[in-house]
Amino acid sequence: MKSNGKKIKISFNSPVILGFTLICFAALILSYVTNGASNNAIFSVYRSSLFSPLTYVRLVGHIFGHAGWEHFIGNIMLILVVGPLLEEKYGSLNMVFVILATALVTGIANCMLFSNVQLLGASGVVFALILLSSFTSIKEGRIPLTFILVAVIYIGKQVYDGLFVMDNVSNLTHILGGIVGASLGYMMNRNKMSRY
C-alpha cells in the first residue's frame, strides 16, 4: 500500500497488548480443541489444593481463558482500543505489571471468597485499563473529572449488578480490576511527575 509515494507498513505498535490478545486467542482455540479441558486445567481459577502447581498457574492463567467467541470479542475489543494508548504512555513493562497485578488480585480474591466459583476471562484487565486510562491526563494536585465519572459509572454499575442482577458475570472481578487500574494509574502518574 502506498501513501504520497511512500510505502505504508504495518507496525507491531503495542507488543504487550497484541501479545496478550494472541495468548487469549490461542487459549480460546485450545479450549475448543480440548472441549473445555484446557480452560478447566489452566485458563480459569477456582479454589483448589495449595500443593498443586496448577493452582498457582491458574492465578494468572485465568485472564487468558474465555467461555466463547462472544466473551472473547467483548473483552478483547476494549483491550485493543484502550491498551495501545496506555502502553505508549506508560511503557510495556508497566502494562505487564498492571495485567499481572490484576490477574493475581482477582484470582486470589476469587479463591478466598468463593468456594464453588470458576472464574475466567479478561474482564478484570478491561476494567483495570479503563480506570487506568482515566488517569492519563492527571496533573499535580488534581483528580480528573473523567476519572470520577468513569469510576462512578463503571464501578457503580458493577455494584448494582452484583446486588440486583443474577447472571454469570463476576462483578467483584470488575470492581477489583478497576481498583487495581485506578491505584496503579495514580501511583505511576505520581511517580512520573516527581521525576520532573
N, C-alpha and C. Protein backbone atom coordinates (compact mmCIF):
# COMPACT_ATOMS: atom_id res chain seq x y z
N MET A 1 0.84 -1.17 0.00
CA MET A 1 0.00 0.00 0.00
C MET A 1 0.89 1.25 0.00
N LYS A 2 0.48 2.28 -0.76
CA LYS A 2 1.30 3.50 -0.85
C LYS A 2 0.47 4.72 -0.47
N SER A 3 1.13 5.68 0.18
CA SER A 3 0.51 6.95 0.52
C SER A 3 1.53 8.03 0.22
N ASN A 4 1.19 8.97 -0.69
CA ASN A 4 2.11 10.03 -1.12
C ASN A 4 3.44 9.47 -1.61
N GLY A 5 3.38 8.35 -2.31
CA GLY A 5 4.58 7.75 -2.87
C GLY A 5 5.38 6.91 -1.90
N LYS A 6 4.99 6.87 -0.61
CA LYS A 6 5.72 6.09 0.39
C LYS A 6 4.93 4.82 0.71
N LYS A 7 5.68 3.77 0.96
CA LYS A 7 5.04 2.52 1.34
C LYS A 7 4.55 2.61 2.78
N ILE A 8 3.34 2.12 3.00
CA ILE A 8 2.80 2.06 4.35
C ILE A 8 3.03 0.66 4.88
N LYS A 9 3.64 0.58 6.06
CA LYS A 9 3.92 -0.71 6.68
C LYS A 9 3.05 -0.89 7.92
N ILE A 10 2.73 -2.13 8.18
CA ILE A 10 2.00 -2.44 9.41
C ILE A 10 3.02 -2.54 10.53
N SER A 11 2.75 -1.83 11.62
CA SER A 11 3.71 -1.85 12.74
C SER A 11 3.14 -2.66 13.91
N PHE A 12 4.03 -3.33 14.60
CA PHE A 12 3.68 -4.08 15.80
C PHE A 12 3.77 -3.08 16.94
N ASN A 13 2.76 -2.19 17.01
CA ASN A 13 2.83 -0.99 17.83
C ASN A 13 2.70 -1.20 19.33
N SER A 14 2.13 -2.30 19.75
CA SER A 14 1.85 -2.49 21.16
C SER A 14 2.12 -3.95 21.53
N PRO A 15 3.38 -4.31 21.75
CA PRO A 15 3.72 -5.72 21.92
C PRO A 15 3.00 -6.42 23.07
N VAL A 16 2.82 -5.75 24.18
CA VAL A 16 2.16 -6.39 25.33
C VAL A 16 0.69 -6.64 25.03
N ILE A 17 0.00 -5.64 24.53
CA ILE A 17 -1.43 -5.78 24.25
C ILE A 17 -1.67 -6.78 23.12
N LEU A 18 -0.86 -6.70 22.08
CA LEU A 18 -1.01 -7.65 20.98
C LEU A 18 -0.64 -9.07 21.43
N GLY A 19 0.40 -9.19 22.23
CA GLY A 19 0.77 -10.49 22.77
C GLY A 19 -0.32 -11.06 23.65
N PHE A 20 -0.90 -10.22 24.51
CA PHE A 20 -2.00 -10.64 25.37
C PHE A 20 -3.17 -11.14 24.53
N THR A 21 -3.49 -10.40 23.48
CA THR A 21 -4.59 -10.78 22.59
C THR A 21 -4.33 -12.13 21.93
N LEU A 22 -3.11 -12.33 21.45
CA LEU A 22 -2.76 -13.61 20.80
C LEU A 22 -2.83 -14.78 21.77
N ILE A 23 -2.38 -14.57 23.02
CA ILE A 23 -2.47 -15.64 24.02
C ILE A 23 -3.93 -15.98 24.31
N CYS A 24 -4.77 -14.96 24.44
CA CYS A 24 -6.21 -15.19 24.68
C CYS A 24 -6.84 -15.94 23.51
N PHE A 25 -6.47 -15.56 22.30
CA PHE A 25 -6.99 -16.23 21.11
C PHE A 25 -6.55 -17.69 21.08
N ALA A 26 -5.27 -17.95 21.35
CA ALA A 26 -4.75 -19.32 21.37
C ALA A 26 -5.44 -20.14 22.46
N ALA A 27 -5.67 -19.52 23.62
CA ALA A 27 -6.35 -20.22 24.73
C ALA A 27 -7.78 -20.59 24.34
N LEU A 28 -8.45 -19.70 23.62
CA LEU A 28 -9.82 -19.98 23.18
C LEU A 28 -9.85 -21.13 22.18
N ILE A 29 -8.94 -21.11 21.22
CA ILE A 29 -8.86 -22.20 20.24
C ILE A 29 -8.56 -23.52 20.95
N LEU A 30 -7.61 -23.48 21.89
CA LEU A 30 -7.26 -24.69 22.64
C LEU A 30 -8.45 -25.21 23.45
N SER A 31 -9.24 -24.30 23.98
CA SER A 31 -10.43 -24.71 24.72
C SER A 31 -11.41 -25.45 23.82
N TYR A 32 -11.58 -24.96 22.60
CA TYR A 32 -12.47 -25.64 21.65
C TYR A 32 -11.91 -27.02 21.27
N VAL A 33 -10.60 -27.07 21.03
CA VAL A 33 -9.96 -28.33 20.63
C VAL A 33 -10.04 -29.38 21.74
N THR A 34 -9.90 -28.93 22.99
CA THR A 34 -9.90 -29.86 24.13
C THR A 34 -11.28 -30.00 24.78
N ASN A 35 -12.29 -29.43 24.14
CA ASN A 35 -13.66 -29.47 24.68
C ASN A 35 -13.73 -28.89 26.09
N GLY A 36 -13.01 -27.80 26.31
CA GLY A 36 -13.04 -27.09 27.59
C GLY A 36 -12.06 -27.57 28.63
N ALA A 37 -11.34 -28.67 28.37
CA ALA A 37 -10.41 -29.21 29.36
C ALA A 37 -9.27 -28.24 29.68
N SER A 38 -8.79 -27.52 28.67
CA SER A 38 -7.69 -26.57 28.92
C SER A 38 -8.16 -25.41 29.80
N ASN A 39 -9.40 -24.96 29.61
CA ASN A 39 -9.94 -23.92 30.48
C ASN A 39 -9.99 -24.41 31.92
N ASN A 40 -10.46 -25.64 32.12
CA ASN A 40 -10.54 -26.19 33.48
C ASN A 40 -9.16 -26.36 34.11
N ALA A 41 -8.18 -26.77 33.30
CA ALA A 41 -6.86 -27.08 33.84
C ALA A 41 -6.00 -25.83 34.07
N ILE A 42 -6.05 -24.86 33.13
CA ILE A 42 -5.10 -23.75 33.16
C ILE A 42 -5.76 -22.37 33.09
N PHE A 43 -6.79 -22.22 32.27
CA PHE A 43 -7.31 -20.89 31.94
C PHE A 43 -8.56 -20.50 32.71
N SER A 44 -8.69 -20.97 33.93
CA SER A 44 -9.71 -20.50 34.85
C SER A 44 -9.17 -20.70 36.26
N VAL A 45 -9.71 -19.97 37.21
CA VAL A 45 -9.22 -20.07 38.58
C VAL A 45 -10.37 -20.46 39.50
N TYR A 46 -10.07 -21.32 40.43
CA TYR A 46 -11.05 -21.78 41.42
C TYR A 46 -10.28 -22.31 42.61
N ARG A 47 -10.96 -22.44 43.72
CA ARG A 47 -10.30 -22.92 44.93
C ARG A 47 -9.84 -24.36 44.72
N SER A 48 -8.56 -24.60 44.95
CA SER A 48 -8.00 -25.94 44.81
C SER A 48 -6.82 -26.08 45.76
N SER A 49 -6.24 -27.24 45.80
CA SER A 49 -5.15 -27.55 46.74
C SER A 49 -3.95 -26.62 46.53
N LEU A 50 -3.43 -26.12 47.64
CA LEU A 50 -2.24 -25.28 47.58
C LEU A 50 -0.99 -26.09 47.23
N PHE A 51 -1.10 -27.41 47.26
CA PHE A 51 0.03 -28.28 46.91
C PHE A 51 0.10 -28.57 45.41
N SER A 52 -0.93 -28.18 44.68
CA SER A 52 -0.94 -28.40 43.24
C SER A 52 -0.27 -27.22 42.52
N PRO A 53 0.76 -27.48 41.72
CA PRO A 53 1.42 -26.38 40.98
C PRO A 53 0.45 -25.63 40.05
N LEU A 54 -0.56 -26.33 39.53
CA LEU A 54 -1.52 -25.69 38.62
C LEU A 54 -2.36 -24.63 39.33
N THR A 55 -2.51 -24.74 40.63
CA THR A 55 -3.24 -23.71 41.39
C THR A 55 -2.59 -22.36 41.16
N TYR A 56 -1.27 -22.30 41.16
CA TYR A 56 -0.55 -21.04 41.01
C TYR A 56 -0.52 -20.58 39.55
N VAL A 57 -0.49 -21.51 38.64
CA VAL A 57 -0.57 -21.17 37.21
C VAL A 57 -1.93 -20.53 36.91
N ARG A 58 -2.98 -21.11 37.49
CA ARG A 58 -4.34 -20.59 37.25
C ARG A 58 -4.56 -19.20 37.81
N LEU A 59 -3.80 -18.81 38.85
CA LEU A 59 -3.95 -17.46 39.42
C LEU A 59 -3.67 -16.39 38.38
N VAL A 60 -2.82 -16.70 37.40
CA VAL A 60 -2.56 -15.76 36.30
C VAL A 60 -3.27 -16.23 35.03
N GLY A 61 -3.28 -17.54 34.79
CA GLY A 61 -3.82 -18.09 33.54
C GLY A 61 -5.29 -17.79 33.29
N HIS A 62 -6.05 -17.52 34.34
CA HIS A 62 -7.49 -17.31 34.17
C HIS A 62 -7.83 -16.09 33.33
N ILE A 63 -6.93 -15.11 33.26
CA ILE A 63 -7.23 -13.92 32.46
C ILE A 63 -7.16 -14.18 30.96
N PHE A 64 -6.56 -15.30 30.57
CA PHE A 64 -6.44 -15.63 29.15
C PHE A 64 -7.62 -16.47 28.65
N GLY A 65 -8.30 -17.15 29.53
CA GLY A 65 -9.39 -18.04 29.12
C GLY A 65 -10.70 -17.30 28.91
N HIS A 66 -11.50 -17.79 27.98
CA HIS A 66 -12.83 -17.22 27.71
C HIS A 66 -13.82 -18.33 27.44
N ALA A 67 -15.06 -18.07 27.78
CA ALA A 67 -16.11 -19.10 27.65
C ALA A 67 -16.54 -19.33 26.21
N GLY A 68 -16.29 -18.37 25.33
CA GLY A 68 -16.70 -18.50 23.93
C GLY A 68 -16.31 -17.25 23.16
N TRP A 69 -16.70 -17.23 21.87
CA TRP A 69 -16.32 -16.12 21.00
C TRP A 69 -16.89 -14.79 21.46
N GLU A 70 -18.13 -14.77 21.89
CA GLU A 70 -18.76 -13.51 22.31
C GLU A 70 -18.03 -12.93 23.53
N HIS A 71 -17.72 -13.78 24.49
CA HIS A 71 -16.98 -13.37 25.68
C HIS A 71 -15.60 -12.84 25.28
N PHE A 72 -14.90 -13.56 24.42
CA PHE A 72 -13.58 -13.16 23.94
C PHE A 72 -13.63 -11.81 23.23
N ILE A 73 -14.53 -11.67 22.27
CA ILE A 73 -14.61 -10.44 21.47
C ILE A 73 -14.98 -9.24 22.34
N GLY A 74 -15.92 -9.43 23.25
CA GLY A 74 -16.33 -8.34 24.15
C GLY A 74 -15.16 -7.78 24.95
N ASN A 75 -14.32 -8.67 25.47
CA ASN A 75 -13.16 -8.22 26.26
C ASN A 75 -12.04 -7.68 25.38
N ILE A 76 -11.71 -8.40 24.33
CA ILE A 76 -10.54 -8.06 23.52
C ILE A 76 -10.75 -6.75 22.75
N MET A 77 -11.95 -6.49 22.30
CA MET A 77 -12.20 -5.23 21.57
C MET A 77 -11.87 -4.03 22.45
N LEU A 78 -12.30 -4.05 23.70
CA LEU A 78 -11.99 -2.94 24.60
C LEU A 78 -10.50 -2.86 24.91
N ILE A 79 -9.87 -4.01 25.09
CA ILE A 79 -8.43 -4.03 25.36
C ILE A 79 -7.64 -3.47 24.17
N LEU A 80 -8.06 -3.83 22.95
CA LEU A 80 -7.36 -3.34 21.75
C LEU A 80 -7.58 -1.85 21.52
N VAL A 81 -8.69 -1.31 21.99
CA VAL A 81 -8.96 0.12 21.83
C VAL A 81 -8.17 0.93 22.86
N VAL A 82 -8.22 0.52 24.11
CA VAL A 82 -7.62 1.30 25.19
C VAL A 82 -6.15 0.95 25.42
N GLY A 83 -5.82 -0.33 25.32
CA GLY A 83 -4.49 -0.81 25.69
C GLY A 83 -3.31 -0.17 24.98
N PRO A 84 -3.31 -0.06 23.64
CA PRO A 84 -2.15 0.51 22.96
C PRO A 84 -1.83 1.95 23.39
N LEU A 85 -2.85 2.75 23.64
CA LEU A 85 -2.62 4.12 24.09
C LEU A 85 -1.95 4.13 25.46
N LEU A 86 -2.39 3.22 26.32
CA LEU A 86 -1.81 3.13 27.66
C LEU A 86 -0.38 2.59 27.60
N GLU A 87 -0.15 1.61 26.73
CA GLU A 87 1.20 1.06 26.60
C GLU A 87 2.16 2.11 26.07
N GLU A 88 1.68 2.96 25.17
CA GLU A 88 2.53 4.04 24.66
C GLU A 88 2.86 5.04 25.76
N LYS A 89 1.87 5.33 26.61
CA LYS A 89 2.08 6.33 27.68
C LYS A 89 2.93 5.78 28.83
N TYR A 90 2.60 4.57 29.29
CA TYR A 90 3.24 4.04 30.49
C TYR A 90 4.39 3.07 30.22
N GLY A 91 4.47 2.54 29.01
CA GLY A 91 5.54 1.60 28.67
C GLY A 91 5.08 0.15 28.81
N SER A 92 5.78 -0.72 28.11
CA SER A 92 5.40 -2.13 28.06
C SER A 92 5.54 -2.83 29.41
N LEU A 93 6.62 -2.57 30.12
CA LEU A 93 6.82 -3.24 31.41
C LEU A 93 5.74 -2.86 32.42
N ASN A 94 5.35 -1.60 32.43
CA ASN A 94 4.28 -1.18 33.32
C ASN A 94 2.95 -1.85 32.94
N MET A 95 2.72 -2.04 31.65
CA MET A 95 1.49 -2.71 31.23
C MET A 95 1.49 -4.17 31.68
N VAL A 96 2.65 -4.84 31.56
CA VAL A 96 2.75 -6.21 32.05
C VAL A 96 2.44 -6.24 33.54
N PHE A 97 2.99 -5.28 34.28
CA PHE A 97 2.76 -5.22 35.73
C PHE A 97 1.27 -5.03 36.05
N VAL A 98 0.61 -4.13 35.35
CA VAL A 98 -0.83 -3.89 35.57
C VAL A 98 -1.63 -5.17 35.30
N ILE A 99 -1.32 -5.83 34.21
CA ILE A 99 -2.05 -7.06 33.84
C ILE A 99 -1.82 -8.16 34.87
N LEU A 100 -0.56 -8.37 35.26
CA LEU A 100 -0.25 -9.42 36.25
C LEU A 100 -0.83 -9.09 37.62
N ALA A 101 -0.76 -7.84 38.03
CA ALA A 101 -1.33 -7.44 39.32
C ALA A 101 -2.83 -7.68 39.33
N THR A 102 -3.49 -7.33 38.24
CA THR A 102 -4.94 -7.55 38.14
C THR A 102 -5.26 -9.03 38.21
N ALA A 103 -4.49 -9.84 37.49
CA ALA A 103 -4.72 -11.29 37.49
C ALA A 103 -4.59 -11.86 38.90
N LEU A 104 -3.53 -11.49 39.59
CA LEU A 104 -3.29 -12.03 40.93
C LEU A 104 -4.34 -11.57 41.93
N VAL A 105 -4.66 -10.28 41.91
CA VAL A 105 -5.66 -9.76 42.86
C VAL A 105 -7.02 -10.42 42.64
N THR A 106 -7.46 -10.50 41.39
CA THR A 106 -8.78 -11.09 41.11
C THR A 106 -8.77 -12.60 41.33
N GLY A 107 -7.68 -13.26 40.98
CA GLY A 107 -7.59 -14.71 41.17
C GLY A 107 -7.58 -15.09 42.64
N ILE A 108 -6.76 -14.41 43.43
CA ILE A 108 -6.68 -14.71 44.86
C ILE A 108 -8.01 -14.40 45.54
N ALA A 109 -8.62 -13.25 45.19
CA ALA A 109 -9.92 -12.90 45.79
C ALA A 109 -10.97 -13.95 45.47
N ASN A 110 -11.00 -14.44 44.24
CA ASN A 110 -11.98 -15.45 43.86
C ASN A 110 -11.78 -16.73 44.68
N CYS A 111 -10.53 -17.15 44.85
CA CYS A 111 -10.24 -18.37 45.61
C CYS A 111 -10.59 -18.21 47.09
N MET A 112 -10.35 -17.03 47.63
CA MET A 112 -10.60 -16.82 49.05
C MET A 112 -12.09 -16.65 49.37
N LEU A 113 -12.81 -15.97 48.48
CA LEU A 113 -14.19 -15.61 48.80
C LEU A 113 -15.24 -16.57 48.27
N PHE A 114 -14.93 -17.30 47.21
CA PHE A 114 -15.95 -18.14 46.58
C PHE A 114 -15.42 -19.57 46.44
N SER A 115 -16.02 -20.48 47.16
CA SER A 115 -15.52 -21.86 47.13
C SER A 115 -15.97 -22.62 45.89
N ASN A 116 -17.09 -22.25 45.28
CA ASN A 116 -17.63 -23.02 44.14
C ASN A 116 -17.63 -22.25 42.83
N VAL A 117 -16.91 -21.14 42.74
CA VAL A 117 -16.96 -20.30 41.54
C VAL A 117 -15.69 -20.46 40.72
N GLN A 118 -15.89 -20.78 39.44
CA GLN A 118 -14.78 -20.89 38.50
C GLN A 118 -14.76 -19.60 37.68
N LEU A 119 -13.65 -18.87 37.75
CA LEU A 119 -13.54 -17.56 37.12
C LEU A 119 -12.60 -17.63 35.93
N LEU A 120 -13.03 -17.06 34.81
CA LEU A 120 -12.15 -16.94 33.65
C LEU A 120 -12.53 -15.72 32.84
N GLY A 121 -11.56 -15.20 32.11
CA GLY A 121 -11.82 -14.05 31.24
C GLY A 121 -10.97 -12.85 31.60
N ALA A 122 -10.88 -11.93 30.65
CA ALA A 122 -10.03 -10.75 30.78
C ALA A 122 -10.80 -9.52 31.24
N SER A 123 -12.01 -9.69 31.76
CA SER A 123 -12.80 -8.51 32.11
C SER A 123 -12.19 -7.72 33.26
N GLY A 124 -11.50 -8.38 34.19
CA GLY A 124 -10.80 -7.63 35.23
C GLY A 124 -9.72 -6.74 34.64
N VAL A 125 -9.02 -7.25 33.63
CA VAL A 125 -7.99 -6.47 32.93
C VAL A 125 -8.65 -5.31 32.19
N VAL A 126 -9.79 -5.56 31.57
CA VAL A 126 -10.52 -4.50 30.86
C VAL A 126 -10.83 -3.35 31.81
N PHE A 127 -11.37 -3.68 32.98
CA PHE A 127 -11.73 -2.63 33.94
C PHE A 127 -10.49 -1.93 34.48
N ALA A 128 -9.39 -2.67 34.68
CA ALA A 128 -8.15 -2.04 35.12
C ALA A 128 -7.68 -1.02 34.08
N LEU A 129 -7.74 -1.39 32.80
CA LEU A 129 -7.29 -0.48 31.74
C LEU A 129 -8.21 0.73 31.60
N ILE A 130 -9.51 0.51 31.75
CA ILE A 130 -10.46 1.62 31.65
C ILE A 130 -10.20 2.65 32.74
N LEU A 131 -10.04 2.18 33.99
CA LEU A 131 -9.78 3.11 35.09
C LEU A 131 -8.40 3.73 34.97
N LEU A 132 -7.42 2.94 34.51
CA LEU A 132 -6.07 3.46 34.29
C LEU A 132 -6.09 4.56 33.24
N SER A 133 -6.89 4.38 32.20
CA SER A 133 -6.92 5.37 31.11
C SER A 133 -7.45 6.72 31.58
N SER A 134 -8.29 6.71 32.60
CA SER A 134 -8.84 7.99 33.07
C SER A 134 -7.79 8.80 33.83
N PHE A 135 -6.63 8.20 34.11
CA PHE A 135 -5.54 8.92 34.78
C PHE A 135 -4.53 9.51 33.81
N THR A 136 -4.72 9.33 32.52
CA THR A 136 -3.70 9.77 31.56
C THR A 136 -3.52 11.28 31.53
N SER A 137 -4.52 12.04 31.96
CA SER A 137 -4.38 13.49 31.91
C SER A 137 -4.29 14.10 33.32
N ILE A 138 -3.85 13.31 34.28
CA ILE A 138 -3.76 13.80 35.66
C ILE A 138 -2.66 14.85 35.79
N LYS A 139 -2.94 15.85 36.60
CA LYS A 139 -1.96 16.88 36.90
C LYS A 139 -1.81 16.95 38.41
N GLU A 140 -0.67 17.45 38.85
CA GLU A 140 -0.35 17.51 40.28
C GLU A 140 -1.48 18.16 41.07
N GLY A 141 -1.97 17.46 42.08
CA GLY A 141 -2.98 18.02 42.97
C GLY A 141 -4.38 18.05 42.40
N ARG A 142 -4.61 17.44 41.24
CA ARG A 142 -5.94 17.47 40.63
C ARG A 142 -6.39 16.07 40.26
N ILE A 143 -7.62 15.75 40.57
CA ILE A 143 -8.21 14.48 40.15
C ILE A 143 -9.08 14.78 38.94
N PRO A 144 -8.84 14.10 37.82
CA PRO A 144 -9.63 14.38 36.62
C PRO A 144 -11.11 14.03 36.82
N LEU A 145 -11.97 14.92 36.36
CA LEU A 145 -13.41 14.66 36.42
C LEU A 145 -13.75 13.40 35.63
N THR A 146 -12.99 13.13 34.56
CA THR A 146 -13.25 11.91 33.78
C THR A 146 -13.05 10.67 34.63
N PHE A 147 -12.04 10.69 35.54
CA PHE A 147 -11.82 9.56 36.42
C PHE A 147 -13.03 9.36 37.34
N ILE A 148 -13.52 10.45 37.91
CA ILE A 148 -14.67 10.36 38.83
C ILE A 148 -15.88 9.80 38.09
N LEU A 149 -16.14 10.30 36.88
CA LEU A 149 -17.29 9.82 36.11
C LEU A 149 -17.15 8.35 35.75
N VAL A 150 -15.96 7.97 35.27
CA VAL A 150 -15.73 6.57 34.90
C VAL A 150 -15.89 5.67 36.12
N ALA A 151 -15.31 6.07 37.24
CA ALA A 151 -15.39 5.27 38.46
C ALA A 151 -16.84 5.12 38.92
N VAL A 152 -17.58 6.20 38.93
CA VAL A 152 -18.98 6.15 39.38
C VAL A 152 -19.81 5.29 38.43
N ILE A 153 -19.66 5.50 37.14
CA ILE A 153 -20.48 4.77 36.16
C ILE A 153 -20.12 3.29 36.13
N TYR A 154 -18.83 2.97 35.95
CA TYR A 154 -18.44 1.58 35.80
C TYR A 154 -18.55 0.79 37.10
N ILE A 155 -17.98 1.33 38.16
CA ILE A 155 -17.99 0.59 39.42
C ILE A 155 -19.39 0.61 40.02
N GLY A 156 -20.09 1.74 39.90
CA GLY A 156 -21.47 1.81 40.38
C GLY A 156 -22.36 0.78 39.69
N LYS A 157 -22.20 0.61 38.39
CA LYS A 157 -22.99 -0.38 37.66
C LYS A 157 -22.66 -1.79 38.14
N GLN A 158 -21.38 -2.06 38.42
CA GLN A 158 -21.00 -3.39 38.89
C GLN A 158 -21.57 -3.69 40.27
N VAL A 159 -21.58 -2.69 41.14
CA VAL A 159 -22.19 -2.88 42.46
C VAL A 159 -23.68 -3.15 42.31
N TYR A 160 -24.35 -2.36 41.47
CA TYR A 160 -25.78 -2.56 41.24
C TYR A 160 -26.05 -3.96 40.67
N ASP A 161 -25.31 -4.33 39.63
CA ASP A 161 -25.50 -5.65 39.01
C ASP A 161 -25.23 -6.78 40.00
N GLY A 162 -24.20 -6.60 40.84
CA GLY A 162 -23.88 -7.62 41.83
C GLY A 162 -24.98 -7.83 42.84
N LEU A 163 -25.70 -6.75 43.15
CA LEU A 163 -26.78 -6.84 44.15
C LEU A 163 -28.11 -7.27 43.55
N PHE A 164 -28.40 -6.82 42.32
CA PHE A 164 -29.75 -6.98 41.80
C PHE A 164 -29.88 -7.83 40.53
N VAL A 165 -28.78 -8.15 39.86
CA VAL A 165 -28.87 -8.90 38.61
C VAL A 165 -28.22 -10.26 38.82
N MET A 166 -28.96 -11.32 38.55
CA MET A 166 -28.42 -12.66 38.69
C MET A 166 -27.93 -13.15 37.32
N ASP A 167 -26.62 -13.17 37.14
CA ASP A 167 -26.03 -13.67 35.90
C ASP A 167 -24.71 -14.34 36.23
N ASN A 168 -23.99 -14.76 35.22
CA ASN A 168 -22.71 -15.44 35.44
C ASN A 168 -21.53 -14.50 35.35
N VAL A 169 -21.77 -13.21 35.54
CA VAL A 169 -20.72 -12.21 35.45
C VAL A 169 -20.14 -11.98 36.84
N SER A 170 -18.83 -11.97 36.94
CA SER A 170 -18.18 -11.72 38.23
C SER A 170 -18.00 -10.23 38.42
N ASN A 171 -18.98 -9.62 39.06
CA ASN A 171 -18.92 -8.18 39.30
C ASN A 171 -17.77 -7.80 40.22
N LEU A 172 -17.45 -8.68 41.17
CA LEU A 172 -16.33 -8.41 42.07
C LEU A 172 -15.02 -8.31 41.29
N THR A 173 -14.86 -9.16 40.27
CA THR A 173 -13.66 -9.10 39.43
C THR A 173 -13.56 -7.75 38.73
N HIS A 174 -14.68 -7.26 38.22
CA HIS A 174 -14.69 -5.96 37.55
C HIS A 174 -14.31 -4.85 38.53
N ILE A 175 -14.89 -4.90 39.73
CA ILE A 175 -14.61 -3.87 40.73
C ILE A 175 -13.14 -3.91 41.13
N LEU A 176 -12.63 -5.12 41.42
CA LEU A 176 -11.23 -5.24 41.82
C LEU A 176 -10.29 -4.83 40.70
N GLY A 177 -10.62 -5.20 39.46
CA GLY A 177 -9.81 -4.77 38.31
C GLY A 177 -9.77 -3.26 38.22
N GLY A 178 -10.92 -2.62 38.40
CA GLY A 178 -10.98 -1.15 38.38
C GLY A 178 -10.15 -0.53 39.48
N ILE A 179 -10.20 -1.12 40.67
CA ILE A 179 -9.42 -0.60 41.80
C ILE A 179 -7.92 -0.74 41.52
N VAL A 180 -7.52 -1.88 40.98
CA VAL A 180 -6.10 -2.08 40.63
C VAL A 180 -5.66 -1.04 39.60
N GLY A 181 -6.46 -0.86 38.54
CA GLY A 181 -6.11 0.11 37.49
C GLY A 181 -6.04 1.53 38.02
N ALA A 182 -7.00 1.90 38.85
CA ALA A 182 -7.01 3.25 39.41
C ALA A 182 -5.83 3.47 40.34
N SER A 183 -5.55 2.49 41.20
CA SER A 183 -4.45 2.62 42.16
C SER A 183 -3.10 2.71 41.44
N LEU A 184 -2.89 1.82 40.47
CA LEU A 184 -1.62 1.84 39.74
C LEU A 184 -1.50 3.08 38.86
N GLY A 185 -2.61 3.53 38.28
CA GLY A 185 -2.60 4.76 37.49
C GLY A 185 -2.21 5.95 38.34
N TYR A 186 -2.76 6.02 39.53
CA TYR A 186 -2.42 7.12 40.45
C TYR A 186 -0.94 7.07 40.80
N MET A 187 -0.45 5.87 41.17
CA MET A 187 0.96 5.75 41.57
C MET A 187 1.92 6.03 40.42
N MET A 188 1.61 5.50 39.23
CA MET A 188 2.51 5.72 38.09
C MET A 188 2.57 7.18 37.70
N ASN A 189 1.43 7.86 37.72
CA ASN A 189 1.43 9.28 37.37
C ASN A 189 2.13 10.11 38.44
N ARG A 190 1.92 9.76 39.70
CA ARG A 190 2.57 10.49 40.79
C ARG A 190 4.08 10.32 40.73
N ASN A 191 4.54 9.10 40.50
CA ASN A 191 5.98 8.85 40.43
C ASN A 191 6.60 9.53 39.22
N LYS A 192 5.87 9.54 38.11
CA LYS A 192 6.39 10.18 36.89
C LYS A 192 6.52 11.68 37.11
N MET A 193 5.51 12.28 37.78
CA MET A 193 5.56 13.71 37.99
C MET A 193 6.68 14.11 38.95
N SER A 194 7.00 13.23 39.92
CA SER A 194 8.04 13.58 40.87
C SER A 194 9.44 13.53 40.24
N ARG A 195 9.58 12.89 39.08
CA ARG A 195 10.87 12.81 38.41
C ARG A 195 11.20 14.11 37.67
N TYR A 196 10.18 14.93 37.37
CA TYR A 196 10.42 16.16 36.60
C TYR A 196 10.74 17.33 37.51
